[in-house]
Amino acid sequence: MNKRSVLITGVAGGIGGATARVFAAAGWHVVGVDRRLVEQLPAVDHLIQADISEPDAPEYIFTQVVENEGQLDALVNNAAVQICKPLVETTPEEWDMTMASNIRSVYLSIRQAYPLLKAHGGGAIVNVSSVHAVATSVGIAAYAASKGALLALTRAVALELAPDHIRVNAVLPGAIDTPMLHAGLSRGHVEGSNVEELVRGLGKKHVLGRVGQPEEIGQAILFLADNKQSSFMTGQALVVDGGATARLSTE
């Protein structure tokens, strides 16, 4: 294969789909993974239907990659679920499901991707964490915990895989205009009578005066995945949040 190959989980979601389009436009071969079977994903060259929260899914996914692509240059761990509940109302089943989707799946996927990346002389892993890993809000504890764990995992794996020339970094998106954000607005922390008003209201709280677009996260992911653009970066957390975490809450 002449093209560089990337595998993106959660490819049918807002950030996942935008990231696929960004990589495809940059000339990459895109392998997408999602639990939904979506027919119209023109930026995806090879779609694998799998639920990454299932413990056997990563082995199945990467077997498909070996058989169809034979190589891998970058892995983007993007798939995630979000439970919008106070911790004391979150059931053990919801907690376990969040951790299985958001952190265990990354551990298992890295284990499966490692031989492919190493065989090709190295590559990059980009984990999509969240600003909730460093500053969070009420009613999202399980999600915040999983994204904080992902940030710590990123640093640890960066150390372990560096001898094999595999860089590992994380992107921490802030408020991005996606279905997940719209669902999260139901927590009532922003005033508005409909989704558009809620998104605008949330945007006004940002230094840049707006929420982000999925393609803006896709560009940050491409930067970290590209060994020419970010060749001296590993174990890092790239915050892309419109300045949200730069401002003191007392301001």
C-alpha atoms as a PDB file:
ATOM      1  CA  MET A   1       0.000   0.000   0.000  1.00  0.00           C
ATOM      2  CA  ASN A   2       1.456   3.364  -1.049  1.00  0.00           C
ATOM      3  CA  LYS A   3      -0.879   5.474   1.062  1.00  0.00           C
ATOM      4  CA  ARG A   4      -0.417   5.887   4.779  1.00  0.00           C
ATOM      5  CA  SER A   5      -3.126   4.023   6.658  1.00  0.00           C
ATOM      6  CA  VAL A   6      -5.066   5.203   9.718  1.00  0.00           C
ATOM      7  CA  LEU A   7      -7.652   3.418  11.843  1.00  0.00           C
ATOM      8  CA  ILE A   8     -10.269   5.648  13.500  1.00  0.00           C
ATOM      9  CA  THR A   9     -12.719   4.293  16.064  1.00  0.00           C
ATOM     10  CA  GLY A  10     -16.136   5.886  16.500  1.00  0.00           C
ATOM     11  CA  VAL A  11     -15.945   6.953  12.869  1.00  0.00           C
ATOM     12  CA  ALA A  12     -19.705   7.530  12.478  1.00  0.00           C
ATOM     13  CA  GLY A  13     -19.755  10.156  15.226  1.00  0.00           C
ATOM     14  CA  GLY A  14     -19.229  13.888  14.928  1.00  0.00           C
ATOM     15  CA  ILE A  15     -15.493  14.042  15.612  1.00  0.00           C
ATOM     16  CA  GLY A  16     -14.842  10.611  14.103  1.00  0.00           C
ATOM     17  CA  GLY A  17     -16.514  11.423  10.802  1.00  0.00           C
ATOM     18  CA  ALA A  18     -14.804  14.799  10.536  1.00  0.00           C
ATOM     19  CA  THR A  19     -11.440  13.229  11.320  1.00  0.00           C
ATOM     20  CA  ALA A  20     -11.965  10.658   8.563  1.00  0.00           C
ATOM     21  CA  ARG A  21     -12.676  13.468   6.096  1.00  0.00           C
ATOM     22  CA  VAL A  22      -9.564  15.377   7.175  1.00  0.00           C
ATOM     23  CA  PHE A  23      -7.309  12.323   6.782  1.00  0.00           C
ATOM     24  CA  ALA A  24      -8.864  11.367   3.440  1.00  0.00           C
ATOM     25  CA  ALA A  25      -8.309  14.902   2.132  1.00  0.00           C
ATOM     26  CA  ALA A  26      -4.663  14.605   3.192  1.00  0.00           C
ATOM     27  CA  GLY A  27      -4.280  11.448   1.111  1.00  0.00           C
ATOM     28  CA  TRP A  28      -4.510   8.782   3.821  1.00  0.00           C
ATOM     29  CA  HIS A  29      -6.222   5.405   3.501  1.00  0.00           C
ATOM     30  CA  VAL A  30      -8.939   5.444   6.183  1.00  0.00           C
ATOM     31  CA  VAL A  31     -10.141   2.403   8.094  1.00  0.00           C
ATOM     32  CA  GLY A  32     -13.162   3.258  10.211  1.00  0.00           C
ATOM     33  CA  VAL A  33     -14.669   1.365  13.121  1.00  0.00           C
ATOM     34  CA  ASP A  34     -18.141   1.913  14.535  1.00  0.00           C
ATOM     35  CA  ARG A  35     -20.824  -0.150  16.216  1.00  0.00           C
ATOM     36  CA  ARG A  36     -23.318   1.287  13.734  1.00  0.00           C
ATOM     37  CA  LEU A  37     -23.315   0.146  10.118  1.00  0.00           C
ATOM     38  CA  VAL A  38     -23.501   3.434   8.217  1.00  0.00           C
ATOM     39  CA  GLU A  39     -23.766   3.223   4.440  1.00  0.00           C
ATOM     40  CA  GLN A  40     -22.783   6.798   3.588  1.00  0.00           C
ATOM     41  CA  LEU A  41     -19.245   7.417   4.828  1.00  0.00           C
ATOM     42  CA  PRO A  42     -17.443   8.448   1.634  1.00  0.00           C
ATOM     43  CA  ALA A  43     -14.194   9.333   3.428  1.00  0.00           C
ATOM     44  CA  VAL A  44     -13.870   5.798   4.821  1.00  0.00           C
ATOM     45  CA  ASP A  45     -12.167   3.231   2.573  1.00  0.00           C
ATOM     46  CA  HIS A  46     -12.828   0.251   4.829  1.00  0.00           C
ATOM     47  CA  LEU A  47     -15.584   0.214   7.450  1.00  0.00           C
ATOM     48  CA  ILE A  48     -15.506  -2.397  10.190  1.00  0.00           C
ATOM     49  CA  GLN A  49     -18.665  -2.804  12.252  1.00  0.00           C
ATOM     50  CA  ALA A  50     -17.725  -3.603  15.839  1.00  0.00           C
ATOM     51  CA  ASP A  51     -18.548  -2.451  19.353  1.00  0.00           C
ATOM     52  CA  ILE A  52     -15.221  -1.526  20.946  1.00  0.00           C
ATOM     53  CA  SER A  53     -16.710  -1.922  24.423  1.00  0.00           C
ATOM     54  CA  GLU A  54     -16.776  -5.684  23.817  1.00  0.00           C
ATOM     55  CA  PRO A  55     -13.539  -7.329  25.038  1.00  0.00           C
ATOM     56  CA  ASP A  56     -13.110  -9.439  21.870  1.00  0.00           C
ATOM     57  CA  ALA A  57     -13.720  -6.571  19.439  1.00  0.00           C
ATOM     58  CA  PRO A  58     -10.115  -5.272  19.099  1.00  0.00           C
ATOM     59  CA  GLU A  59      -8.779  -8.690  18.086  1.00  0.00           C
ATOM     60  CA  TYR A  60     -11.508  -8.977  15.448  1.00  0.00           C
ATOM     61  CA  ILE A  61     -10.876  -5.426  14.192  1.00  0.00           C
ATOM     62  CA  PHE A  62      -7.139  -5.787  13.782  1.00  0.00           C
ATOM     63  CA  THR A  63      -7.444  -9.200  12.184  1.00  0.00           C
ATOM     64  CA  GLN A  64      -9.492  -7.443   9.503  1.00  0.00           C
ATOM     65  CA  VAL A  65      -6.802  -4.779   9.127  1.00  0.00           C
ATOM     66  CA  VAL A  66      -4.051  -7.388   8.730  1.00  0.00           C
ATOM     67  CA  GLU A  67      -6.070  -9.232   6.095  1.00  0.00           C
ATOM     68  CA  ASN A  68      -7.217  -6.172   4.130  1.00  0.00           C
ATOM     69  CA  GLU A  69      -4.593  -3.428   4.607  1.00  0.00           C
ATOM     70  CA  GLY A  70      -1.554  -5.313   5.846  1.00  0.00           C
ATOM     71  CA  GLN A  71      -0.122  -2.192   7.463  1.00  0.00           C
ATOM     72  CA  LEU A  72      -0.988   0.578   9.880  1.00  0.00           C
ATOM     73  CA  ASP A  73       0.642   3.978  10.296  1.00  0.00           C
ATOM     74  CA  ALA A  74      -1.657   5.586  12.857  1.00  0.00           C
ATOM     75  CA  LEU A  75      -4.334   4.621  15.357  1.00  0.00           C
ATOM     76  CA  VAL A  76      -6.931   7.142  16.506  1.00  0.00           C
ATOM     77  CA  ASN A  77      -8.800   6.014  19.618  1.00  0.00           C
ATOM     78  CA  ASN A  78     -11.840   8.258  19.351  1.00  0.00           C
ATOM     79  CA  ALA A  79     -14.902   6.155  20.237  1.00  0.00           C
ATOM     80  CA  ALA A  80     -16.487   7.046  23.570  1.00  0.00           C
ATOM     81  CA  VAL A  81     -19.742   7.133  25.487  1.00  0.00           C
ATOM     82  CA  GLN A  82     -20.925   9.774  27.917  1.00  0.00           C
ATOM     83  CA  ILE A  83     -23.212   9.266  30.902  1.00  0.00           C
ATOM     84  CA  CYS A  84     -24.723  12.542  32.119  1.00  0.00           C
ATOM     85  CA  LYS A  85     -25.622  11.715  35.709  1.00  0.00           C
ATOM     86  CA  PRO A  86     -24.405  12.606  39.184  1.00  0.00           C
ATOM     87  CA  LEU A  87     -22.023   9.977  40.506  1.00  0.00           C
ATOM     88  CA  VAL A  88     -24.420   8.773  43.207  1.00  0.00           C
ATOM     89  CA  GLU A  89     -27.105   8.157  40.568  1.00  0.00           C
ATOM     90  CA  THR A  90     -24.764   6.344  38.173  1.00  0.00           C
ATOM     91  CA  THR A  91     -25.315   2.599  38.324  1.00  0.00           C
ATOM     92  CA  PRO A  92     -22.401   0.145  38.479  1.00  0.00           C
ATOM     93  CA  GLU A  93     -23.472  -1.099  35.033  1.00  0.00           C
ATOM     94  CA  GLU A  94     -23.270   2.434  33.578  1.00  0.00           C
ATOM     95  CA  TRP A  95     -19.889   2.989  35.243  1.00  0.00           C
ATOM     96  CA  ASP A  96     -18.493  -0.272  33.867  1.00  0.00           C
ATOM     97  CA  MET A  97     -19.889   0.432  30.409  1.00  0.00           C
ATOM     98  CA  THR A  98     -18.243   3.865  30.370  1.00  0.00           C
ATOM     99  CA  MET A  99     -14.879   2.450  31.417  1.00  0.00           C
ATOM    100  CA  ALA A 100     -15.143  -0.420  28.924  1.00  0.00           C
ATOM    101  CA  SER A 101     -15.863   1.952  26.043  1.00  0.00           C
ATOM    102  CA  ASN A 102     -13.586   4.846  26.960  1.00  0.00           C
ATOM    103  CA  ILE A 103     -10.492   3.265  28.505  1.00  0.00           C
ATOM    104  CA  ARG A 104     -10.407  -0.550  28.343  1.00  0.00           C
ATOM    105  CA  SER A 105     -11.017  -0.451  24.575  1.00  0.00           C
ATOM    106  CA  VAL A 106      -7.978   1.815  24.149  1.00  0.00           C
ATOM    107  CA  TYR A 107      -5.740  -0.529  26.135  1.00  0.00           C
ATOM    108  CA  LEU A 108      -6.897  -3.508  24.078  1.00  0.00           C
ATOM    109  CA  SER A 109      -6.638  -1.656  20.748  1.00  0.00           C
ATOM    110  CA  ILE A 110      -3.081  -0.514  21.463  1.00  0.00           C
ATOM    111  CA  ARG A 111      -2.094  -4.115  22.273  1.00  0.00           C
ATOM    112  CA  GLN A 112      -3.486  -5.252  18.931  1.00  0.00           C
ATOM    113  CA  ALA A 113      -2.122  -2.313  16.920  1.00  0.00           C
ATOM    114  CA  TYR A 114       1.392  -2.539  18.348  1.00  0.00           C
ATOM    115  CA  PRO A 115       2.705  -5.366  16.118  1.00  0.00           C
ATOM    116  CA  LEU A 116       1.399  -3.622  12.993  1.00  0.00           C
ATOM    117  CA  LEU A 117       2.904  -0.263  13.907  1.00  0.00           C
ATOM    118  CA  LYS A 118       6.223  -1.800  14.932  1.00  0.00           C
ATOM    119  CA  ALA A 119       6.470  -3.897  11.765  1.00  0.00           C
ATOM    120  CA  HIS A 120       6.077  -0.754   9.670  1.00  0.00           C
ATOM    121  CA  GLY A 121       8.929   1.014  11.459  1.00  0.00           C
ATOM    122  CA  GLY A 122       6.817   2.947  13.935  1.00  0.00           C
ATOM    123  CA  GLY A 123       3.910   5.328  13.727  1.00  0.00           C
ATOM    124  CA  ALA A 124       1.550   7.275  15.936  1.00  0.00           C
ATOM    125  CA  ILE A 125      -1.286   6.708  18.351  1.00  0.00           C
ATOM    126  CA  VAL A 126      -3.669   9.563  19.087  1.00  0.00           C
ATOM    127  CA  ASN A 127      -6.070   9.192  21.984  1.00  0.00           C
ATOM    128  CA  VAL A 128      -9.085  11.491  22.040  1.00  0.00           C
ATOM    129  CA  SER A 129      -9.419  12.489  25.679  1.00  0.00           C
ATOM    130  CA  SER A 130     -11.340  15.593  26.803  1.00  0.00           C
ATOM    131  CA  VAL A 131     -10.947  18.828  28.732  1.00  0.00           C
ATOM    132  CA  HIS A 132     -12.991  16.983  31.351  1.00  0.00           C
ATOM    133  CA  ALA A 133      -9.726  15.197  32.160  1.00  0.00           C
ATOM    134  CA  VAL A 134      -8.353  18.447  33.615  1.00  0.00           C
ATOM    135  CA  ALA A 135     -11.400  20.588  34.464  1.00  0.00           C
ATOM    136  CA  THR A 136     -14.932  19.292  34.659  1.00  0.00           C
ATOM    137  CA  SER A 137     -18.492  20.112  35.656  1.00  0.00           C
ATOM    138  CA  VAL A 138     -21.407  18.638  37.584  1.00  0.00           C
ATOM    139  CA  GLY A 139     -23.181  15.495  36.408  1.00  0.00           C
ATOM    140  CA  ILE A 140     -20.494  13.884  34.285  1.00  0.00           C
ATOM    141  CA  ALA A 141     -18.239  12.100  36.782  1.00  0.00           C
ATOM    142  CA  ALA A 142     -17.896   8.724  35.048  1.00  0.00           C
ATOM    143  CA  TYR A 143     -16.957  10.338  31.745  1.00  0.00           C
ATOM    144  CA  ALA A 144     -14.468  12.694  33.418  1.00  0.00           C
ATOM    145  CA  ALA A 145     -12.844   9.800  35.283  1.00  0.00           C
ATOM    146  CA  SER A 146     -12.467   7.757  32.106  1.00  0.00           C
ATOM    147  CA  LYS A 147     -10.923  10.665  30.208  1.00  0.00           C
ATOM    148  CA  GLY A 148      -8.524  11.405  33.059  1.00  0.00           C
ATOM    149  CA  ALA A 149      -7.442   7.768  33.004  1.00  0.00           C
ATOM    150  CA  LEU A 150      -6.927   8.003  29.250  1.00  0.00           C
ATOM    151  CA  LEU A 151      -4.600  10.958  29.737  1.00  0.00           C
ATOM    152  CA  ALA A 152      -2.489   9.015  32.255  1.00  0.00           C
ATOM    153  CA  LEU A 153      -2.474   5.985  29.950  1.00  0.00           C
ATOM    154  CA  THR A 154      -1.239   8.171  27.097  1.00  0.00           C
ATOM    155  CA  ARG A 155       1.809   9.267  29.075  1.00  0.00           C
ATOM    156  CA  ALA A 156       2.602   5.743  30.284  1.00  0.00           C
ATOM    157  CA  VAL A 157       2.318   4.123  26.852  1.00  0.00           C
ATOM    158  CA  ALA A 158       4.388   6.899  25.254  1.00  0.00           C
ATOM    159  CA  LEU A 159       7.279   5.849  27.479  1.00  0.00           C
ATOM    160  CA  GLU A 160       6.865   2.169  26.725  1.00  0.00           C
ATOM    161  CA  LEU A 161       6.552   2.442  22.940  1.00  0.00           C
ATOM    162  CA  ALA A 162       9.170   5.120  22.269  1.00  0.00           C
ATOM    163  CA  PRO A 163      11.965   2.546  21.636  1.00  0.00           C
ATOM    164  CA  ASP A 164       9.855   1.206  18.762  1.00  0.00           C
ATOM    165  CA  HIS A 165       9.451   4.703  17.267  1.00  0.00           C
ATOM    166  CA  ILE A 166       5.760   4.834  18.107  1.00  0.00           C
ATOM    167  CA  ARG A 167       4.614   8.224  19.358  1.00  0.00           C
ATOM    168  CA  VAL A 168       1.586   8.444  21.648  1.00  0.00           C
ATOM    169  CA  ASN A 169      -0.270  11.702  22.261  1.00  0.00           C
ATOM    170  CA  ALA A 170      -3.713  12.865  23.298  1.00  0.00           C
ATOM    171  CA  VAL A 171      -6.100  15.517  22.015  1.00  0.00           C
ATOM    172  CA  LEU A 172      -8.341  17.154  24.611  1.00  0.00           C
ATOM    173  CA  PRO A 173     -11.347  18.657  22.821  1.00  0.00           C
ATOM    174  CA  GLY A 174     -13.484  21.221  24.575  1.00  0.00           C
ATOM    175  CA  ALA A 175     -17.082  21.939  23.570  1.00  0.00           C
ATOM    176  CA  ILE A 176     -17.425  20.708  19.980  1.00  0.00           C
ATOM    177  CA  ASP A 177     -20.649  20.974  17.989  1.00  0.00           C
ATOM    178  CA  THR A 178     -21.536  17.276  17.887  1.00  0.00           C
ATOM    179  CA  PRO A 179     -24.492  15.082  18.893  1.00  0.00           C
ATOM    180  CA  MET A 180     -22.628  14.208  22.109  1.00  0.00           C
ATOM    181  CA  LEU A 181     -22.427  17.890  23.035  1.00  0.00           C
ATOM    182  CA  HIS A 182     -26.116  18.377  22.269  1.00  0.00           C
ATOM    183  CA  ALA A 183     -27.012  15.447  24.514  1.00  0.00           C
ATOM    184  CA  GLY A 184     -24.790  16.773  27.287  1.00  0.00           C
ATOM    185  CA  LEU A 185     -26.508  20.146  27.235  1.00  0.00           C
ATOM    186  CA  SER A 186     -29.486  18.441  28.825  1.00  0.00           C
ATOM    187  CA  ARG A 187     -27.648  18.759  32.156  1.00  0.00           C
ATOM    188  CA  GLY A 188     -29.054  22.300  32.392  1.00  0.00           C
ATOM    189  CA  HIS A 189     -25.760  24.150  32.931  1.00  0.00           C
ATOM    190  CA  VAL A 190     -26.506  26.499  30.011  1.00  0.00           C
ATOM    191  CA  GLU A 191     -29.637  28.599  29.481  1.00  0.00           C
ATOM    192  CA  GLY A 192     -31.699  28.253  26.313  1.00  0.00           C
ATOM    193  CA  SER A 193     -34.992  26.917  25.001  1.00  0.00           C
ATOM    194  CA  ASN A 194     -33.619  24.853  22.090  1.00  0.00           C
ATOM    195  CA  VAL A 195     -30.376  23.242  20.944  1.00  0.00           C
ATOM    196  CA  GLU A 196     -29.263  26.223  18.851  1.00  0.00           C
ATOM    197  CA  GLU A 197     -29.690  28.632  21.749  1.00  0.00           C
ATOM    198  CA  LEU A 198     -27.932  26.262  24.123  1.00  0.00           C
ATOM    199  CA  VAL A 199     -24.943  25.901  21.781  1.00  0.00           C
ATOM    200  CA  ARG A 200     -24.711  29.680  21.272  1.00  0.00           C
ATOM    201  CA  GLY A 201     -24.978  30.255  25.006  1.00  0.00           C
ATOM    202  CA  LEU A 202     -22.206  27.787  25.685  1.00  0.00           C
ATOM    203  CA  GLY A 203     -20.095  29.360  22.952  1.00  0.00           C
ATOM    204  CA  LYS A 204     -20.342  32.784  24.576  1.00  0.00           C
ATOM    205  CA  LYS A 205     -18.599  31.383  27.644  1.00  0.00           C
ATOM    206  CA  HIS A 206     -15.483  30.674  25.573  1.00  0.00           C
ATOM    207  CA  VAL A 207     -12.568  33.046  25.056  1.00  0.00           C
ATOM    208  CA  LEU A 208     -13.067  32.734  21.293  1.00  0.00           C
ATOM    209  CA  GLY A 209     -16.817  33.289  21.666  1.00  0.00           C
ATOM    210  CA  ARG A 210     -17.988  30.038  20.078  1.00  0.00           C
ATOM    211  CA  VAL A 211     -17.893  26.266  20.369  1.00  0.00           C
ATOM    212  CA  GLY A 212     -15.559  24.295  18.125  1.00  0.00           C
ATOM    213  CA  GLN A 213     -16.265  22.419  14.921  1.00  0.00           C
ATOM    214  CA  PRO A 214     -15.464  18.712  14.524  1.00  0.00           C
ATOM    215  CA  GLU A 215     -13.067  19.404  11.646  1.00  0.00           C
ATOM    216  CA  GLU A 216     -10.956  21.558  13.970  1.00  0.00           C
ATOM    217  CA  ILE A 217     -10.373  18.520  16.178  1.00  0.00           C
ATOM    218  CA  GLY A 218      -9.721  16.411  13.085  1.00  0.00           C
ATOM    219  CA  GLN A 219      -6.944  18.788  12.044  1.00  0.00           C
ATOM    220  CA  ALA A 220      -5.348  18.557  15.493  1.00  0.00           C
ATOM    221  CA  ILE A 221      -5.507  14.752  15.330  1.00  0.00           C
ATOM    222  CA  LEU A 222      -3.922  14.743  11.868  1.00  0.00           C
ATOM    223  CA  PHE A 223      -1.123  16.969  13.182  1.00  0.00           C
ATOM    224  CA  LEU A 224      -0.321  14.509  15.975  1.00  0.00           C
ATOM    225  CA  ALA A 225      -0.597  11.479  13.684  1.00  0.00           C
ATOM    226  CA  ASP A 226       1.714  12.884  11.015  1.00  0.00           C
ATOM    227  CA  ASN A 227       5.326  11.976  11.735  1.00  0.00           C
ATOM    228  CA  LYS A 228       6.544  14.973   9.758  1.00  0.00           C
ATOM    229  CA  GLN A 229       4.386  17.585  11.477  1.00  0.00           C
ATOM    230  CA  SER A 230       4.782  16.415  15.080  1.00  0.00           C
ATOM    231  CA  SER A 231       7.882  14.224  14.960  1.00  0.00           C
ATOM    232  CA  PHE A 232       9.280  15.498  18.309  1.00  0.00           C
ATOM    233  CA  MET A 233       6.049  15.145  20.290  1.00  0.00           C
ATOM    234  CA  THR A 234       5.089  12.203  22.455  1.00  0.00           C
ATOM    235  CA  GLY A 235       3.315  11.767  25.772  1.00  0.00           C
ATOM    236  CA  GLN A 236       1.640  15.130  25.364  1.00  0.00           C
ATOM    237  CA  ALA A 237      -1.880  16.492  25.824  1.00  0.00           C
ATOM    238  CA  LEU A 238      -2.970  18.961  23.153  1.00  0.00           C
ATOM    239  CA  VAL A 239      -5.891  21.034  24.445  1.00  0.00           C
ATOM    240  CA  VAL A 240      -8.234  22.313  21.724  1.00  0.00           C
ATOM    241  CA  ASP A 241     -10.965  24.152  23.606  1.00  0.00           C
ATOM    242  CA  GLY A 242     -11.329  27.720  22.359  1.00  0.00           C
ATOM    243  CA  GLY A 243      -9.556  28.973  25.475  1.00  0.00           C
ATOM    244  CA  ALA A 244     -12.107  27.514  27.899  1.00  0.00           C
ATOM    245  CA  THR A 245      -9.561  26.146  30.370  1.00  0.00           C
ATOM    246  CA  ALA A 246      -7.350  29.254  30.144  1.00  0.00           C
ATOM    247  CA  ARG A 247      -9.818  31.441  32.023  1.00  0.00           C
ATOM    248  CA  LEU A 248     -10.222  31.381  35.798  1.00  0.00           C
ATOM    249  CA  SER A 249     -13.728  30.504  36.940  1.00  0.00           C
ATOM    250  CA  THR A 250     -13.656  33.651  39.097  1.00  0.00           C
ATOM    251  CA  GLU A 251     -13.203  35.932  36.084  1.00  0.00           C
END
